Amino acid sequence: MALLVRVLRTQISISQWVPVCNRLVLVSPTQGQWSRALSGTSQWSQTSQPLACGGSEEIPGVDIQLNRRYHTTNKLSNIQDSPQPVEEKVGALTKIIEAMGFTGPLKYSKWKIKIAALRMYTSCVEKTDFEEFFLRCQMPDTFNSWFLITLLHVWMCLVRMKQEGRSGKYMCRIIVHFMWEDVEQRGRIMGVNPYILKKNIMLMTNNFYAAILGYDEGILSDDRGLAAALWRTFFNQKCEDPRQLELLVEYVRKQIQYLDSMNGEDLLLTGEVSWRPLVEKNPQSILKPHSPTYNDEGL
């Protein structure tokens, strides 16, 4: 009998490793387990409820608590997901005002946005190398060619500013307004008959909105769709050299990407836009532009 007791003590004194929640826990025998072992019972005491890995577990013979927390996500993250712009909340009164054809309160004052819109349209006219377009695209140096090039750059500005909520859409309307004022003023300087000028402006207005729809559809499709839109509008269905279409498609794609890299708040406050050259001498020079500087008045 004494020999049996010594054998049992030797066996139970060996520490046991118990698997708990996919990991091993060192368990030493307790006094109760000694007595049960001596009485012929070798089972460990079990709790009335099963253990869960998410809470605190108490294991007989182990003077520790296991606190394990798991973080679960319903959707797997994707590195290609880009942050979506937060939709601007509009009150009921603002909706009523805008439904009546008026502009409700905006994020910035309207006169600041108007000044920024004027600067942006001026950038479309003064910072664009028209001579290079005339040369590369074999366009005649006429008022209609100037309008087609200006229309293309104005449209790219509209695409960018429509992403800036209600303030950006208001700025788009002001840009288009300044464009038609400039077209009318240039026509008068050229000495065009007022009746003919008014008739031509009406025709150009229809062409403008048709071009906007075509360009929007083209930029959302592949290069063939964009090339078709440019061939119909910019080249007036008279482009016979596919290299010219390829050059212009590349220009529009890189310019839209370049505008998207600009900060929206800076564009709303300053309207400063820079354009990439039609033909890149150094393709590696397409980098994220520096933020423009402006004072507290947004000027």
Protein backbone atom coordinates (compact mmCIF):
# COMPACT_ATOMS: atom_id res chain seq x y z
CA MET A 1 0.00 0.00 0.00
CA ALA A 2 2.82 2.40 0.85
CA LEU A 3 4.43 1.60 -2.48
CA LEU A 4 1.16 2.40 -4.32
CA VAL A 5 0.90 5.81 -2.59
CA ARG A 6 4.46 6.71 -3.58
CA VAL A 7 3.77 5.72 -7.21
CA LEU A 8 0.59 7.84 -7.36
CA ARG A 9 2.37 10.83 -5.84
CA THR A 10 5.13 10.51 -8.39
CA GLN A 11 2.67 10.40 -11.32
CA ILE A 12 0.46 13.28 -10.16
CA SER A 13 3.36 15.52 -9.19
CA ILE A 14 4.18 15.76 -12.90
CA SER A 15 2.76 19.02 -14.24
CA GLN A 16 0.20 18.61 -16.99
CA TRP A 17 -0.36 20.78 -20.05
CA VAL A 18 -4.05 21.35 -20.76
CA PRO A 19 -5.14 22.71 -24.17
CA VAL A 20 -7.28 25.81 -23.70
CA CYS A 21 -8.39 27.89 -26.68
CA ASN A 22 -5.70 26.54 -28.98
CA ARG A 23 -2.87 27.02 -26.50
CA LEU A 24 -1.36 24.90 -23.72
CA VAL A 25 -1.70 25.92 -20.08
CA LEU A 26 0.53 24.52 -17.37
CA VAL A 27 -1.64 22.89 -14.68
CA SER A 28 -0.43 21.70 -11.29
CA PRO A 29 -2.48 19.28 -9.20
CA THR A 30 -4.45 20.64 -6.25
CA GLN A 31 -5.08 19.13 -2.84
CA GLY A 32 -8.52 17.92 -3.94
CA GLN A 33 -7.00 16.16 -6.89
CA TRP A 34 -4.54 14.45 -4.53
CA SER A 35 -7.39 13.03 -2.50
CA ARG A 36 -9.33 11.95 -5.59
CA ALA A 37 -6.24 10.30 -6.97
CA LEU A 38 -5.71 8.41 -3.75
CA SER A 39 -9.33 7.29 -3.80
CA GLY A 40 -8.97 5.98 -7.35
CA THR A 41 -10.52 8.94 -9.21
CA SER A 42 -8.30 10.47 -11.89
CA GLN A 43 -10.77 12.91 -13.48
CA TRP A 44 -10.35 16.64 -13.26
CA SER A 45 -13.31 18.62 -11.94
CA GLN A 46 -15.37 20.15 -14.75
CA THR A 47 -17.42 23.27 -14.63
CA SER A 48 -21.13 23.10 -15.32
CA GLN A 49 -20.84 25.46 -18.35
CA PRO A 50 -18.43 25.17 -21.27
CA LEU A 51 -15.56 27.62 -21.47
CA ALA A 52 -15.56 30.34 -24.08
CA CYS A 53 -12.47 31.85 -25.56
CA GLY A 54 -13.89 35.33 -25.59
CA GLY A 55 -14.26 35.77 -21.84
CA SER A 56 -12.36 35.01 -18.64
CA GLU A 57 -11.78 31.37 -17.86
CA GLU A 58 -10.90 29.90 -14.48
CA ILE A 59 -9.22 26.52 -14.69
CA PRO A 60 -8.96 24.32 -11.63
CA GLY A 61 -5.42 24.27 -10.41
CA VAL A 62 -4.43 27.35 -12.39
CA ASP A 63 -4.31 30.66 -10.55
CA ILE A 64 -4.54 32.82 -13.69
CA GLN A 65 -7.26 34.28 -15.86
CA LEU A 66 -7.12 34.23 -19.61
CA ASN A 67 -8.47 37.38 -21.17
CA ARG A 68 -8.57 37.07 -24.92
CA ARG A 69 -10.34 39.53 -27.16
CA TYR A 70 -10.91 39.07 -30.84
CA HIS A 71 -11.58 41.80 -33.39
CA THR A 72 -13.80 40.73 -36.25
CA THR A 73 -14.61 42.66 -39.40
CA ASN A 74 -17.58 42.11 -41.63
CA LYS A 75 -15.76 43.27 -44.79
CA LEU A 76 -12.29 42.44 -45.92
CA SER A 77 -10.16 45.49 -46.60
CA ASN A 78 -8.96 46.10 -50.11
CA ILE A 79 -5.91 48.17 -50.95
CA GLN A 80 -7.61 49.36 -54.09
CA ASP A 81 -10.53 50.88 -52.20
CA SER A 82 -10.35 54.65 -52.25
CA PRO A 83 -12.05 56.88 -49.66
CA GLN A 84 -15.38 58.09 -50.90
CA PRO A 85 -16.33 61.74 -50.41
CA VAL A 86 -18.77 62.33 -47.59
CA GLU A 87 -22.16 63.38 -48.88
CA GLU A 88 -23.01 66.92 -47.88
CA LYS A 89 -26.06 67.18 -45.62
CA VAL A 90 -28.64 69.69 -46.79
CA GLY A 91 -31.50 70.96 -44.65
CA ALA A 92 -35.14 71.04 -45.71
CA LEU A 93 -35.15 74.84 -46.10
CA THR A 94 -32.09 74.72 -48.36
CA LYS A 95 -33.75 72.07 -50.52
CA ILE A 96 -36.83 74.26 -50.91
CA ILE A 97 -34.70 77.28 -51.83
CA GLU A 98 -32.76 75.34 -54.44
CA ALA A 99 -35.94 73.75 -55.82
CA MET A 100 -37.19 77.29 -56.53
CA GLY A 101 -34.09 77.95 -58.64
CA PHE A 102 -32.04 79.84 -56.05
CA THR A 103 -28.73 78.93 -54.44
CA GLY A 104 -28.81 78.08 -50.76
CA PRO A 105 -26.06 78.73 -48.21
CA LEU A 106 -22.70 77.32 -49.23
CA LYS A 107 -19.56 76.27 -47.39
CA TYR A 108 -17.78 79.45 -48.48
CA SER A 109 -19.14 82.86 -49.38
CA LYS A 110 -20.37 83.19 -52.94
CA TRP A 111 -18.13 86.13 -53.82
CA LYS A 112 -15.05 84.08 -52.89
CA ILE A 113 -16.23 81.25 -55.11
CA LYS A 114 -16.93 83.68 -57.95
CA ILE A 115 -13.41 85.09 -57.73
CA ALA A 116 -11.97 81.57 -57.70
CA ALA A 117 -14.15 80.65 -60.70
CA LEU A 118 -12.87 83.67 -62.63
CA ARG A 119 -9.29 82.67 -61.87
CA MET A 120 -9.94 79.11 -62.96
CA TYR A 121 -11.45 80.18 -66.26
CA THR A 122 -8.56 82.60 -66.76
CA SER A 123 -6.19 79.67 -66.23
CA CYS A 124 -8.00 77.80 -69.02
CA VAL A 125 -7.41 80.72 -71.41
CA GLU A 126 -4.05 82.16 -70.41
CA LYS A 127 -2.14 79.06 -69.25
CA THR A 128 -2.97 76.92 -72.28
CA ASP A 129 -0.48 76.78 -75.14
CA PHE A 130 -2.86 77.29 -78.08
CA GLU A 131 -0.03 77.44 -80.58
CA GLU A 132 1.07 73.94 -79.67
CA PHE A 133 -2.46 72.64 -80.16
CA PHE A 134 -2.67 74.35 -83.55
CA LEU A 135 0.62 72.74 -84.57
CA ARG A 136 0.24 69.24 -83.14
CA CYS A 137 -3.42 68.80 -84.08
CA GLN A 138 -3.17 70.66 -87.40
CA MET A 139 -5.96 73.06 -86.52
CA PRO A 140 -6.47 76.42 -88.26
CA ASP A 141 -5.81 79.53 -86.19
CA THR A 142 -9.44 80.64 -86.01
CA PHE A 143 -11.95 81.69 -83.39
CA ASN A 144 -13.70 78.33 -83.64
CA SER A 145 -10.44 76.46 -82.96
CA TRP A 146 -9.80 78.68 -79.94
CA PHE A 147 -13.29 77.88 -78.64
CA LEU A 148 -12.83 74.12 -79.08
CA ILE A 149 -9.56 74.14 -77.13
CA THR A 150 -11.02 76.36 -74.41
CA LEU A 151 -14.12 74.18 -74.19
CA LEU A 152 -11.98 71.09 -73.61
CA HIS A 153 -10.10 72.69 -70.71
CA VAL A 154 -13.25 74.18 -69.20
CA TRP A 155 -14.85 70.75 -69.28
CA MET A 156 -11.89 69.23 -67.42
CA CYS A 157 -12.28 71.91 -64.73
CA LEU A 158 -16.00 71.13 -64.48
CA VAL A 159 -15.24 67.43 -64.02
CA ARG A 160 -12.90 68.25 -61.14
CA MET A 161 -15.09 70.79 -59.37
CA LYS A 162 -18.25 68.66 -59.50
CA GLN A 163 -16.55 66.46 -56.92
CA GLU A 164 -16.61 69.28 -54.35
CA GLY A 165 -20.29 69.12 -53.43
CA ARG A 166 -22.73 72.00 -53.74
CA SER A 167 -20.01 74.65 -53.62
CA GLY A 168 -18.20 72.97 -56.49
CA LYS A 169 -21.36 72.75 -58.59
CA TYR A 170 -22.06 76.42 -57.96
CA MET A 171 -18.52 77.21 -59.07
CA CYS A 172 -19.12 75.22 -62.27
CA ARG A 173 -22.07 77.44 -63.18
CA ILE A 174 -19.99 80.57 -62.61
CA ILE A 175 -17.15 79.22 -64.77
CA VAL A 176 -19.56 78.59 -67.66
CA HIS A 177 -21.03 82.08 -67.18
CA PHE A 178 -17.59 83.69 -67.44
CA MET A 179 -16.82 81.60 -70.51
CA TRP A 180 -19.86 82.91 -72.43
CA GLU A 181 -19.11 86.48 -71.37
CA ASP A 182 -15.59 86.07 -72.72
CA VAL A 183 -16.85 84.55 -75.98
CA GLU A 184 -19.24 87.44 -76.52
CA GLN A 185 -16.59 90.04 -75.71
CA ARG A 186 -14.06 88.47 -78.07
CA GLY A 187 -16.66 88.39 -80.84
CA ARG A 188 -17.33 92.10 -80.41
CA ILE A 189 -13.62 92.90 -80.46
CA MET A 190 -13.31 90.99 -83.73
CA GLY A 191 -16.03 93.19 -85.21
CA VAL A 192 -18.61 90.46 -85.78
CA ASN A 193 -22.12 91.69 -86.57
CA PRO A 194 -24.22 91.62 -83.35
CA TYR A 195 -27.01 89.62 -85.01
CA ILE A 196 -24.58 87.06 -86.43
CA LEU A 197 -22.71 86.94 -83.13
CA LYS A 198 -25.90 86.24 -81.19
CA LYS A 199 -26.88 83.53 -83.66
CA ASN A 200 -23.42 81.95 -83.49
CA ILE A 201 -23.44 82.00 -79.68
CA MET A 202 -26.75 80.13 -79.66
CA LEU A 203 -25.26 77.53 -81.99
CA MET A 204 -22.11 77.30 -79.87
CA THR A 205 -24.24 76.86 -76.75
CA ASN A 206 -25.92 73.81 -78.24
CA ASN A 207 -22.56 72.43 -79.30
CA PHE A 208 -21.17 73.10 -75.83
CA TYR A 209 -23.75 71.00 -73.99
CA ALA A 210 -23.53 68.25 -76.61
CA ALA A 211 -19.74 68.24 -76.18
CA ILE A 212 -20.06 68.07 -72.38
CA LEU A 213 -22.29 65.00 -72.62
CA GLY A 214 -19.97 63.35 -75.12
CA TYR A 215 -16.84 64.06 -73.08
CA ASP A 216 -18.49 62.81 -69.89
CA GLU A 217 -19.40 59.57 -71.58
CA GLY A 218 -15.92 59.26 -73.06
CA ILE A 219 -14.02 59.83 -69.82
CA LEU A 220 -16.10 57.13 -68.11
CA SER A 221 -15.40 54.59 -70.85
CA ASP A 222 -12.20 53.22 -72.32
CA ASP A 223 -9.78 55.03 -74.61
CA ARG A 224 -11.79 54.12 -77.69
CA GLY A 225 -14.87 55.83 -76.28
CA LEU A 226 -12.89 58.92 -75.34
CA ALA A 227 -11.21 58.99 -78.75
CA ALA A 228 -14.63 58.81 -80.43
CA ALA A 229 -15.88 61.77 -78.37
CA LEU A 230 -12.78 63.82 -79.23
CA TRP A 231 -13.08 62.89 -82.90
CA ARG A 232 -16.71 64.04 -83.05
CA THR A 233 -16.31 67.28 -81.10
CA PHE A 234 -12.71 68.47 -80.99
CA PHE A 235 -11.75 67.42 -84.53
CA ASN A 236 -15.25 67.86 -85.96
CA GLN A 237 -15.01 64.38 -87.55
CA LYS A 238 -12.11 65.48 -89.75
CA CYS A 239 -9.10 63.84 -88.10
CA GLU A 240 -7.32 61.47 -90.46
CA ASP A 241 -4.15 60.92 -88.43
CA PRO A 242 -4.72 58.44 -85.55
CA ARG A 243 -1.59 59.73 -83.83
CA GLN A 244 -3.34 63.03 -83.17
CA LEU A 245 -6.22 61.22 -81.48
CA GLU A 246 -3.78 59.16 -79.45
CA LEU A 247 -1.94 62.29 -78.34
CA LEU A 248 -5.13 64.03 -77.27
CA VAL A 249 -6.51 60.99 -75.43
CA GLU A 250 -3.26 60.73 -73.49
CA TYR A 251 -3.39 64.45 -72.72
CA VAL A 252 -6.94 64.31 -71.37
CA ARG A 253 -6.25 61.23 -69.24
CA LYS A 254 -3.11 62.62 -67.62
CA GLN A 255 -4.66 66.05 -67.14
CA ILE A 256 -7.75 64.66 -65.39
CA GLN A 257 -5.49 62.63 -63.12
CA TYR A 258 -3.35 65.70 -62.46
CA LEU A 259 -6.41 67.78 -61.52
CA ASP A 260 -7.68 65.04 -59.22
CA SER A 261 -4.41 65.21 -57.28
CA MET A 262 -5.05 68.88 -56.44
CA ASN A 263 -6.65 69.75 -53.12
CA GLY A 264 -10.35 70.56 -53.46
CA GLU A 265 -10.36 73.20 -50.73
CA ASP A 266 -7.51 75.05 -52.42
CA LEU A 267 -9.33 74.99 -55.74
CA LEU A 268 -12.49 76.40 -54.17
CA LEU A 269 -10.57 79.23 -52.50
CA THR A 270 -8.00 80.11 -55.15
CA GLY A 271 -9.08 78.61 -58.47
CA GLU A 272 -5.42 78.29 -59.47
CA VAL A 273 -4.99 75.53 -62.05
CA SER A 274 -1.85 74.53 -63.92
CA TRP A 275 -1.83 72.46 -67.08
CA ARG A 276 0.53 69.77 -68.21
CA PRO A 277 2.15 70.27 -71.63
CA LEU A 278 0.55 68.57 -74.59
CA VAL A 279 3.76 66.60 -75.20
CA GLU A 280 5.71 65.61 -72.09
CA LYS A 281 9.45 66.08 -72.43
CA ASN A 282 9.99 64.19 -69.18
CA PRO A 283 7.18 61.76 -68.27
CA GLN A 284 8.63 61.40 -64.77
CA SER A 285 7.79 65.05 -64.11
CA ILE A 286 4.12 64.26 -63.55
CA LEU A 287 4.10 64.63 -59.79
CA LYS A 288 1.61 65.77 -57.21
CA PRO A 289 1.41 69.58 -57.42
CA HIS A 290 2.22 71.84 -54.51
CA SER A 291 -0.65 73.42 -52.63
CA PRO A 292 -1.17 77.08 -53.59
CA THR A 293 -0.78 79.81 -51.00
CA TYR A 294 -3.59 82.18 -50.10
CA ASN A 295 -4.50 84.49 -47.27
CA ASP A 296 -7.43 84.36 -44.86
CA GLU A 297 -9.67 86.13 -47.35
CA GLY A 298 -9.20 83.37 -49.89
CA LEU A 299 -7.39 85.69 -52.32
